Amino acid sequence: MFVAYCAVCDRRTLLGVDEIDWVENLTRGVLSVSGRCPRGHEVVILTGDAFTPHRDPRYFGPAPRIWTEPLNRMRSWLRIRFQLSRDLPGPFYRF
């Protein structure tokens, strides 16, 4: 089954085995699935391995502890010394 968007009907529908007319391998990792929505309009879906999300090779994981520990210590030091008051000023109160 495939989820397809029909531009004529302006809605998404499920295409079952009965509604699929043709499956074609365009290039490596790209499949074209042609079919008809329940109202008879033509729908084309591109799918395959090229459309599945892969890990980003530029992401190296979380920062090492050697970097985060000093930042956490500085953040807690600043938080203790510079506590913010979250009270509303007088003109914002409604009585």
C-alpha atoms as a PDB file:
ATOM      1  CA  MET A   1       0.000   0.000   0.000  1.00  0.00           C
ATOM      2  CA  PHE A   2       1.093   3.532  -0.767  1.00  0.00           C
ATOM      3  CA  VAL A   3      -0.117   6.904   0.468  1.00  0.00           C
ATOM      4  CA  ALA A   4      -0.706   9.083  -2.597  1.00  0.00           C
ATOM      5  CA  TYR A   5      -1.766  12.687  -3.056  1.00  0.00           C
ATOM      6  CA  CYS A   6      -4.231  13.314  -5.870  1.00  0.00           C
ATOM      7  CA  ALA A   7      -3.957  16.899  -7.127  1.00  0.00           C
ATOM      8  CA  VAL A   8      -7.360  16.748  -8.836  1.00  0.00           C
ATOM      9  CA  CYS A   9      -9.195  15.533  -5.728  1.00  0.00           C
ATOM     10  CA  ASP A  10      -6.910  17.622  -3.455  1.00  0.00           C
ATOM     11  CA  ARG A  11      -6.621  14.843  -0.862  1.00  0.00           C
ATOM     12  CA  ARG A  12      -4.433  11.942   0.203  1.00  0.00           C
ATOM     13  CA  THR A  13      -5.595   8.384  -0.302  1.00  0.00           C
ATOM     14  CA  LEU A  14      -4.264   4.885   0.132  1.00  0.00           C
ATOM     15  CA  LEU A  15      -3.397   2.995  -3.037  1.00  0.00           C
ATOM     16  CA  GLY A  16      -3.784  -0.721  -2.700  1.00  0.00           C
ATOM     17  CA  VAL A  17      -2.616  -3.454  -5.034  1.00  0.00           C
ATOM     18  CA  ASP A  18      -5.733  -3.084  -7.189  1.00  0.00           C
ATOM     19  CA  GLU A  19      -5.157   0.607  -7.900  1.00  0.00           C
ATOM     20  CA  ILE A  20      -1.475   0.234  -8.969  1.00  0.00           C
ATOM     21  CA  ASP A  21      -1.030   0.061 -12.742  1.00  0.00           C
ATOM     22  CA  TRP A  22       2.720   0.146 -13.261  1.00  0.00           C
ATOM     23  CA  VAL A  23       6.014   0.063 -11.304  1.00  0.00           C
ATOM     24  CA  GLU A  24       9.145   1.242 -13.074  1.00  0.00           C
ATOM     25  CA  ASN A  25      12.776   1.418 -11.937  1.00  0.00           C
ATOM     26  CA  LEU A  26      13.961   4.862 -13.079  1.00  0.00           C
ATOM     27  CA  THR A  27      17.517   4.864 -11.717  1.00  0.00           C
ATOM     28  CA  ARG A  28      19.347   3.116  -8.933  1.00  0.00           C
ATOM     29  CA  GLY A  29      17.278   3.625  -5.785  1.00  0.00           C
ATOM     30  CA  VAL A  30      14.330   5.418  -7.450  1.00  0.00           C
ATOM     31  CA  LEU A  31      11.040   3.677  -8.257  1.00  0.00           C
ATOM     32  CA  SER A  32       8.086   5.223 -10.039  1.00  0.00           C
ATOM     33  CA  VAL A  33       4.706   3.804  -9.033  1.00  0.00           C
ATOM     34  CA  SER A  34       1.792   4.751 -11.291  1.00  0.00           C
ATOM     35  CA  GLY A  35      -1.784   4.165 -10.326  1.00  0.00           C
ATOM     36  CA  ARG A  36      -5.234   5.626  -9.998  1.00  0.00           C
ATOM     37  CA  CYS A  37      -6.941   7.207  -7.025  1.00  0.00           C
ATOM     38  CA  PRO A  38     -10.351   5.782  -5.993  1.00  0.00           C
ATOM     39  CA  ARG A  39     -12.075   8.378  -8.220  1.00  0.00           C
ATOM     40  CA  GLY A  40     -10.021   7.338 -11.273  1.00  0.00           C
ATOM     41  CA  HIS A  41      -7.460  10.153 -11.534  1.00  0.00           C
ATOM     42  CA  GLU A  42      -3.855   9.271 -12.397  1.00  0.00           C
ATOM     43  CA  VAL A  43      -1.351   9.408  -9.546  1.00  0.00           C
ATOM     44  CA  VAL A  44       2.445   8.959  -9.707  1.00  0.00           C
ATOM     45  CA  ILE A  45       4.564   8.254  -6.627  1.00  0.00           C
ATOM     46  CA  LEU A  46       8.359   8.350  -6.515  1.00  0.00           C
ATOM     47  CA  THR A  47       9.759   6.032  -3.893  1.00  0.00           C
ATOM     48  CA  GLY A  48      12.743   3.816  -3.192  1.00  0.00           C
ATOM     49  CA  ASP A  49      16.028   3.830  -1.318  1.00  0.00           C
ATOM     50  CA  ALA A  50      16.961   7.318  -2.557  1.00  0.00           C
ATOM     51  CA  PHE A  51      13.967   8.762  -0.675  1.00  0.00           C
ATOM     52  CA  THR A  52      14.633   7.116   2.688  1.00  0.00           C
ATOM     53  CA  PRO A  53      16.398   9.312   5.257  1.00  0.00           C
ATOM     54  CA  HIS A  54      20.024   8.462   5.976  1.00  0.00           C
ATOM     55  CA  ARG A  55      22.346   9.582   8.755  1.00  0.00           C
ATOM     56  CA  ASP A  56      23.963  12.944   8.142  1.00  0.00           C
ATOM     57  CA  PRO A  57      27.698  12.282   7.635  1.00  0.00           C
ATOM     58  CA  ARG A  58      28.495  15.786   8.961  1.00  0.00           C
ATOM     59  CA  TYR A  59      27.061  15.009  12.435  1.00  0.00           C
ATOM     60  CA  PHE A  60      29.751  13.728  14.762  1.00  0.00           C
ATOM     61  CA  GLY A  61      27.616  13.111  17.832  1.00  0.00           C
ATOM     62  CA  PRO A  62      27.372  15.053  21.095  1.00  0.00           C
ATOM     63  CA  ALA A  63      30.201  17.290  22.214  1.00  0.00           C
ATOM     64  CA  PRO A  64      32.871  15.604  24.350  1.00  0.00           C
ATOM     65  CA  ARG A  65      32.649  16.069  28.116  1.00  0.00           C
ATOM     66  CA  ILE A  66      35.918  17.953  28.029  1.00  0.00           C
ATOM     67  CA  TRP A  67      34.022  20.824  26.343  1.00  0.00           C
ATOM     68  CA  THR A  68      30.695  20.625  28.116  1.00  0.00           C
ATOM     69  CA  GLU A  69      31.869  20.367  31.731  1.00  0.00           C
ATOM     70  CA  PRO A  70      33.459  23.843  31.920  1.00  0.00           C
ATOM     71  CA  LEU A  71      30.418  25.357  30.199  1.00  0.00           C
ATOM     72  CA  ASN A  72      28.047  23.676  32.648  1.00  0.00           C
ATOM     73  CA  ARG A  73      30.117  24.909  35.593  1.00  0.00           C
ATOM     74  CA  MET A  74      30.110  28.461  34.237  1.00  0.00           C
ATOM     75  CA  ARG A  75      26.371  28.288  33.554  1.00  0.00           C
ATOM     76  CA  SER A  76      25.615  27.166  37.116  1.00  0.00           C
ATOM     77  CA  TRP A  77      27.941  29.858  38.530  1.00  0.00           C
ATOM     78  CA  LEU A  78      26.158  32.548  36.503  1.00  0.00           C
ATOM     79  CA  ARG A  79      22.742  31.176  37.455  1.00  0.00           C
ATOM     80  CA  ILE A  80      23.558  31.389  41.192  1.00  0.00           C
ATOM     81  CA  ARG A  81      24.928  34.946  41.041  1.00  0.00           C
ATOM     82  CA  PHE A  82      22.467  36.456  38.608  1.00  0.00           C
ATOM     83  CA  GLN A  83      19.078  35.054  39.488  1.00  0.00           C
ATOM     84  CA  LEU A  84      16.315  36.677  37.517  1.00  0.00           C
ATOM     85  CA  SER A  85      13.116  37.777  39.138  1.00  0.00           C
ATOM     86  CA  ARG A  86      10.130  36.457  37.256  1.00  0.00           C
ATOM     87  CA  ASP A  87       7.615  38.669  39.061  1.00  0.00           C
ATOM     88  CA  LEU A  88       5.543  40.976  36.905  1.00  0.00           C
ATOM     89  CA  PRO A  89       5.958  44.736  37.384  1.00  0.00           C
ATOM     90  CA  GLY A  90       3.083  46.555  39.109  1.00  0.00           C
ATOM     91  CA  PRO A  91       1.381  47.955  35.967  1.00  0.00           C
ATOM     92  CA  PHE A  92       0.914  44.423  34.580  1.00  0.00           C
ATOM     93  CA  TYR A  93      -1.136  43.194  37.561  1.00  0.00           C
ATOM     94  CA  ARG A  94      -4.897  43.006  37.176  1.00  0.00           C
ATOM     95  CA  PHE A  95      -6.938  43.395  40.331  1.00  0.00           C
END
